[in-house]
C-alpha atoms as a PDB file:
ATOM      1  CA  ASP A   1     -95.735-277.655  50.738  1.00  0.00           C
ATOM      2  CA  LEU A   2     -96.003-274.225  49.131  1.00  0.00           C
ATOM      3  CA  GLU A   3     -97.793-271.479  51.086  1.00  0.00           C
ATOM      4  CA  VAL A   4     -99.305-268.253  49.652  1.00  0.00           C
ATOM      5  CA  ILE A   5     -99.759-265.163  51.799  1.00  0.00           C
ATOM      6  CA  TRP A   6    -101.753-262.274  50.427  1.00  0.00           C
ATOM      7  CA  ALA A   7    -100.644-259.249  52.360  1.00  0.00           C
ATOM      8  CA  PRO A   8    -101.675-256.124  50.479  1.00  0.00           C
ATOM      9  CA  ASP A   9     -99.213-253.327  50.983  1.00  0.00           C
ATOM     10  CA  ALA A  10     -99.529-250.198  48.853  1.00  0.00           C
ATOM     11  CA  ASP A  11     -96.123-248.973  50.128  1.00  0.00           C
ATOM     12  CA  SER A  12     -94.248-252.074  49.055  1.00  0.00           C
ATOM     13  CA  LYS A  13     -91.812-251.719  46.225  1.00  0.00           C
ATOM     14  CA  LEU A  14     -92.421-255.316  45.261  1.00  0.00           C
ATOM     15  CA  SER A  15     -95.584-256.796  43.792  1.00  0.00           C
ATOM     16  CA  GLY A  16     -94.601-260.119  45.348  1.00  0.00           C
ATOM     17  CA  GLU A  17     -91.767-262.378  46.338  1.00  0.00           C
ATOM     18  CA  VAL A  18     -90.828-265.897  47.149  1.00  0.00           C
ATOM     19  CA  LYS A  19     -89.162-266.538  50.489  1.00  0.00           C
ATOM     20  CA  GLY A  20     -88.365-270.218  51.070  1.00  0.00           C
ATOM     21  CA  LYS A  21     -91.561-272.087  50.438  1.00  0.00           C
ATOM     22  CA  THR A  22     -93.808-269.106  50.796  1.00  0.00           C
ATOM     23  CA  ILE A  23     -95.116-266.817  48.168  1.00  0.00           C
ATOM     24  CA  TYR A  24     -95.958-263.342  49.384  1.00  0.00           C
ATOM     25  CA  ILE A  25     -98.357-261.175  47.299  1.00  0.00           C
ATOM     26  CA  TYR A  26     -98.392-257.458  48.028  1.00  0.00           C
ATOM     27  CA  GLU A  27    -100.716-256.180  45.371  1.00  0.00           C
ATOM     28  CA  SER A  28    -104.067-255.010  46.618  1.00  0.00           C
ATOM     29  CA  GLU A  29    -106.066-255.247  43.410  1.00  0.00           C
ATOM     30  CA  GLU A  30    -107.279-258.847  42.934  1.00  0.00           C
ATOM     31  CA  GLU A  31    -106.388-259.067  39.147  1.00  0.00           C
ATOM     32  CA  LYS A  32    -102.878-257.806  39.752  1.00  0.00           C
ATOM     33  CA  ALA A  33    -102.505-260.109  42.756  1.00  0.00           C
ATOM     34  CA  VAL A  34    -103.527-263.083  40.693  1.00  0.00           C
ATOM     35  CA  ASN A  35    -100.997-262.166  37.954  1.00  0.00           C
ATOM     36  CA  THR A  36     -98.328-261.641  40.502  1.00  0.00           C
ATOM     37  CA  LEU A  37     -99.119-265.049  42.023  1.00  0.00           C
ATOM     38  CA  ILE A  38     -98.697-266.671  38.667  1.00  0.00           C
ATOM     39  CA  HIS A  39     -95.372-264.885  38.061  1.00  0.00           C
ATOM     40  CA  GLU A  40     -94.023-265.769  41.473  1.00  0.00           C
ATOM     41  CA  PHE A  41     -95.155-269.382  41.215  1.00  0.00           C
ATOM     42  CA  ILE A  42     -93.291-269.758  37.909  1.00  0.00           C
ATOM     43  CA  ASP A  43     -90.342-268.043  39.524  1.00  0.00           C
ATOM     44  CA  PHE A  44     -90.477-270.562  42.330  1.00  0.00           C
ATOM     45  CA  LEU A  45     -90.524-273.539  39.899  1.00  0.00           C
ATOM     46  CA  VAL A  46     -87.716-272.222  37.698  1.00  0.00           C
ATOM     47  CA  SER A  47     -85.583-271.305  40.717  1.00  0.00           C
ATOM     48  CA  ARG A  48     -86.097-274.793  42.104  1.00  0.00           C
ATOM     49  CA  ALA A  49     -84.981-276.368  38.815  1.00  0.00           C
ATOM     50  CA  LEU A  50     -81.806-274.134  38.833  1.00  0.00           C
ATOM     51  CA  GLU A  51     -80.806-274.975  42.395  1.00  0.00           C
ATOM     52  CA  PRO A  52     -78.534-277.915  41.537  1.00  0.00           C
ATOM     53  CA  TYR A  53     -76.592-275.825  38.979  1.00  0.00           C
ATOM     54  CA  ILE A  54     -76.235-272.974  41.415  1.00  0.00           C
ATOM     55  CA  SER A  55     -75.099-275.208  44.179  1.00  0.00           C
ATOM     56  CA  PHE A  56     -72.535-276.843  41.786  1.00  0.00           C
ATOM     57  CA  ALA A  57     -71.288-273.468  40.622  1.00  0.00           C
ATOM     58  CA  ASN A  58     -70.964-272.183  44.249  1.00  0.00           C
ATOM     59  CA  ALA A  59     -69.042-275.369  45.146  1.00  0.00           C
ATOM     60  CA  MET A  60     -66.590-274.932  42.197  1.00  0.00           C
ATOM     61  CA  ILE A  61     -66.106-271.219  43.156  1.00  0.00           C
ATOM     62  CA  LYS A  62     -65.227-272.224  46.681  1.00  0.00           C
ATOM     63  CA  LEU A  63     -62.881-274.894  45.567  1.00  0.00           C
ATOM     64  CA  LEU A  64     -61.066-272.628  43.126  1.00  0.00           C
ATOM     65  CA  SER A  65     -60.906-269.849  45.731  1.00  0.00           C
ATOM     66  CA  ASP A  66     -59.397-272.254  48.192  1.00  0.00           C
ATOM     67  CA  ILE A  67     -56.774-273.386  45.658  1.00  0.00           C
ATOM     68  CA  ALA A  68     -55.953-269.767  44.691  1.00  0.00           C
ATOM     69  CA  TYR A  69     -55.625-268.796  48.390  1.00  0.00           C
ATOM     70  CA  ARG A  70     -53.250-271.688  49.100  1.00  0.00           C
ATOM     71  CA  ARG A  71     -51.112-270.848  46.056  1.00  0.00           C
ATOM     72  CA  LYS A  72     -50.983-267.146  47.031  1.00  0.00           C
ATOM     73  CA  GLU A  73     -49.893-268.103  50.516  1.00  0.00           C
ATOM     74  CA  GLU A  74     -47.186-270.537  49.136  1.00  0.00           C
ATOM     75  CA  THR A  75     -45.929-267.759  46.896  1.00  0.00           C
ATOM     76  CA  ILE A  76     -45.793-265.262  49.690  1.00  0.00           C
ATOM     77  CA  GLU A  77     -43.881-267.690  51.896  1.00  0.00           C
ATOM     78  CA  THR A  78     -41.444-268.407  49.062  1.00  0.00           C
ATOM     79  CA  ILE A  79     -40.825-264.677  48.598  1.00  0.00           C
ATOM     80  CA  VAL A  80     -40.390-264.199  52.284  1.00  0.00           C
ATOM     81  CA  ARG A  81     -37.782-266.927  52.420  1.00  0.00           C
ATOM     82  CA  LEU A  82     -35.938-265.590  49.392  1.00  0.00           C
ATOM     83  CA  LEU A  83     -35.889-262.078  50.917  1.00  0.00           C
ATOM     84  CA  THR A  84     -34.853-263.194  54.366  1.00  0.00           C
ATOM     85  CA  SER A  85     -32.080-265.494  52.974  1.00  0.00           C
ATOM     86  CA  GLN A  86     -30.663-262.541  51.012  1.00  0.00           C
ATOM     87  CA  GLU A  87     -30.366-260.494  54.121  1.00  0.00           C
ATOM     88  CA  GLY A  88     -27.774-262.810  55.649  1.00  0.00           C
ATOM     89  CA  ARG A  89     -25.353-262.332  52.773  1.00  0.00           C
END
């Protein structure tokens, strides 16, 4: 399911990269291209192994952000009520 595209590009700032399930190799020299392919393949495997942890961390960040936002809004509303109830006195 993994595709490799060798697209030599002397102007590229990258030697290679992984995008989805495709490894792009930009090195024009064969030996450098092979080393880059090995590097990017290992990067692909390690990144895939880390995906569950990253998904979990992102879900926790979203949950905590939602809780913090609700608490902030509740606090603001409480302060507004306190300030507006003081105006009538």
